[in-house]
Amino acid sequence: MAAKNEPVVNVVLQYDGKSVDVADVSKAARDSWKKNHKDEIKELNLYLKSEESKAYYVINGVEAGSVEM
């Protein structure tokens, strides 16, 4: 039996009158990682802190940094 296609999911965080597309934050975190690392990204965990307007990220189990939201 063939698997059904998963739907496209868009996540937008809204806070303090702002709207932040989580896909954009994810891309910024991946781009930041790729500046200093050559290994493949197998897992990306994002921690969104609206009170700081930052997203902290952990890639492949390594605490990596943060990006502005």
C-alpha atoms as a PDB file:
ATOM      1  CA  MET A   1       0.000   0.000   0.000  1.00  0.00           C
ATOM      2  CA  ALA A   2       1.390   3.415  -0.960  1.00  0.00           C
ATOM      3  CA  ALA A   3       1.869   6.009   1.774  1.00  0.00           C
ATOM      4  CA  LYS A   4      -0.248   9.136   1.600  1.00  0.00           C
ATOM      5  CA  ASN A   5       1.487  12.441   1.032  1.00  0.00           C
ATOM      6  CA  GLU A   6       1.928  14.504   4.154  1.00  0.00           C
ATOM      7  CA  PRO A   7       0.328  17.966   4.025  1.00  0.00           C
ATOM      8  CA  VAL A   8       2.436  21.088   3.833  1.00  0.00           C
ATOM      9  CA  VAL A   9       2.593  22.633   7.306  1.00  0.00           C
ATOM     10  CA  ASN A  10       3.432  26.304   7.798  1.00  0.00           C
ATOM     11  CA  VAL A  11       4.108  27.565  11.324  1.00  0.00           C
ATOM     12  CA  VAL A  12       3.968  31.282  12.076  1.00  0.00           C
ATOM     13  CA  LEU A  13       4.767  32.592  15.548  1.00  0.00           C
ATOM     14  CA  GLN A  14       2.894  35.775  16.436  1.00  0.00           C
ATOM     15  CA  TYR A  15       3.954  37.924  19.383  1.00  0.00           C
ATOM     16  CA  ASP A  16       4.173  41.628  20.235  1.00  0.00           C
ATOM     17  CA  GLY A  17       2.493  42.528  16.943  1.00  0.00           C
ATOM     18  CA  LYS A  18       5.113  40.590  14.934  1.00  0.00           C
ATOM     19  CA  SER A  19       4.738  37.520  12.742  1.00  0.00           C
ATOM     20  CA  VAL A  20       7.707  35.206  12.302  1.00  0.00           C
ATOM     21  CA  ASP A  21       7.705  32.331   9.810  1.00  0.00           C
ATOM     22  CA  VAL A  22       9.387  29.408  11.567  1.00  0.00           C
ATOM     23  CA  ALA A  23      10.657  28.098   8.197  1.00  0.00           C
ATOM     24  CA  ASP A  24      12.648  31.335   7.805  1.00  0.00           C
ATOM     25  CA  VAL A  25      14.095  30.950  11.308  1.00  0.00           C
ATOM     26  CA  SER A  26      15.018  27.342  10.548  1.00  0.00           C
ATOM     27  CA  LYS A  27      16.797  28.382   7.340  1.00  0.00           C
ATOM     28  CA  ALA A  28      18.697  31.137   9.179  1.00  0.00           C
ATOM     29  CA  ALA A  29      19.868  28.607  11.792  1.00  0.00           C
ATOM     30  CA  ARG A  30      20.998  26.140   9.102  1.00  0.00           C
ATOM     31  CA  ASP A  31      22.797  28.888   7.175  1.00  0.00           C
ATOM     32  CA  SER A  32      24.544  30.057  10.348  1.00  0.00           C
ATOM     33  CA  TRP A  33      25.697  26.489  11.106  1.00  0.00           C
ATOM     34  CA  LYS A  34      26.983  25.967   7.551  1.00  0.00           C
ATOM     35  CA  LYS A  35      29.287  28.996   7.830  1.00  0.00           C
ATOM     36  CA  ASN A  36      31.543  27.109  10.268  1.00  0.00           C
ATOM     37  CA  HIS A  37      30.676  23.426   9.810  1.00  0.00           C
ATOM     38  CA  LYS A  38      30.896  21.033   6.907  1.00  0.00           C
ATOM     39  CA  ASP A  39      29.089  18.057   8.453  1.00  0.00           C
ATOM     40  CA  GLU A  40      25.588  17.217   7.322  1.00  0.00           C
ATOM     41  CA  ILE A  41      22.673  18.444   9.412  1.00  0.00           C
ATOM     42  CA  LYS A  42      20.762  15.386  10.601  1.00  0.00           C
ATOM     43  CA  GLU A  43      18.759  17.007  13.376  1.00  0.00           C
ATOM     44  CA  LEU A  44      17.824  20.608  14.100  1.00  0.00           C
ATOM     45  CA  ASN A  45      16.137  21.678  17.323  1.00  0.00           C
ATOM     46  CA  LEU A  46      14.873  25.262  17.581  1.00  0.00           C
ATOM     47  CA  TYR A  47      14.009  27.022  20.824  1.00  0.00           C
ATOM     48  CA  LEU A  48      12.048  30.205  20.135  1.00  0.00           C
ATOM     49  CA  LYS A  49      12.277  32.887  22.827  1.00  0.00           C
ATOM     50  CA  SER A  50       9.844  35.609  21.892  1.00  0.00           C
ATOM     51  CA  GLU A  51      10.832  37.792  24.869  1.00  0.00           C
ATOM     52  CA  GLU A  52      14.372  37.969  23.415  1.00  0.00           C
ATOM     53  CA  SER A  53      13.344  37.917  19.719  1.00  0.00           C
ATOM     54  CA  LYS A  54      15.859  35.082  19.291  1.00  0.00           C
ATOM     55  CA  ALA A  55      15.825  31.464  18.272  1.00  0.00           C
ATOM     56  CA  TYR A  56      18.422  29.244  19.884  1.00  0.00           C
ATOM     57  CA  TYR A  57      19.399  26.145  17.946  1.00  0.00           C
ATOM     58  CA  VAL A  58      21.023  22.791  18.584  1.00  0.00           C
ATOM     59  CA  ILE A  59      22.245  20.873  15.552  1.00  0.00           C
ATOM     60  CA  ASN A  60      23.206  17.196  15.646  1.00  0.00           C
ATOM     61  CA  GLY A  61      23.187  17.338  19.431  1.00  0.00           C
ATOM     62  CA  VAL A  62      25.718  20.183  19.548  1.00  0.00           C
ATOM     63  CA  GLU A  63      24.712  23.495  21.107  1.00  0.00           C
ATOM     64  CA  ALA A  64      25.319  25.767  18.177  1.00  0.00           C
ATOM     65  CA  GLY A  65      24.064  29.299  18.758  1.00  0.00           C
ATOM     66  CA  SER A  66      21.237  31.679  18.068  1.00  0.00           C
ATOM     67  CA  VAL A  67      19.689  33.775  15.323  1.00  0.00           C
ATOM     68  CA  GLU A  68      17.430  36.816  15.435  1.00  0.00           C
ATOM     69  CA  MET A  69      13.733  36.238  14.763  1.00  0.00           C
END
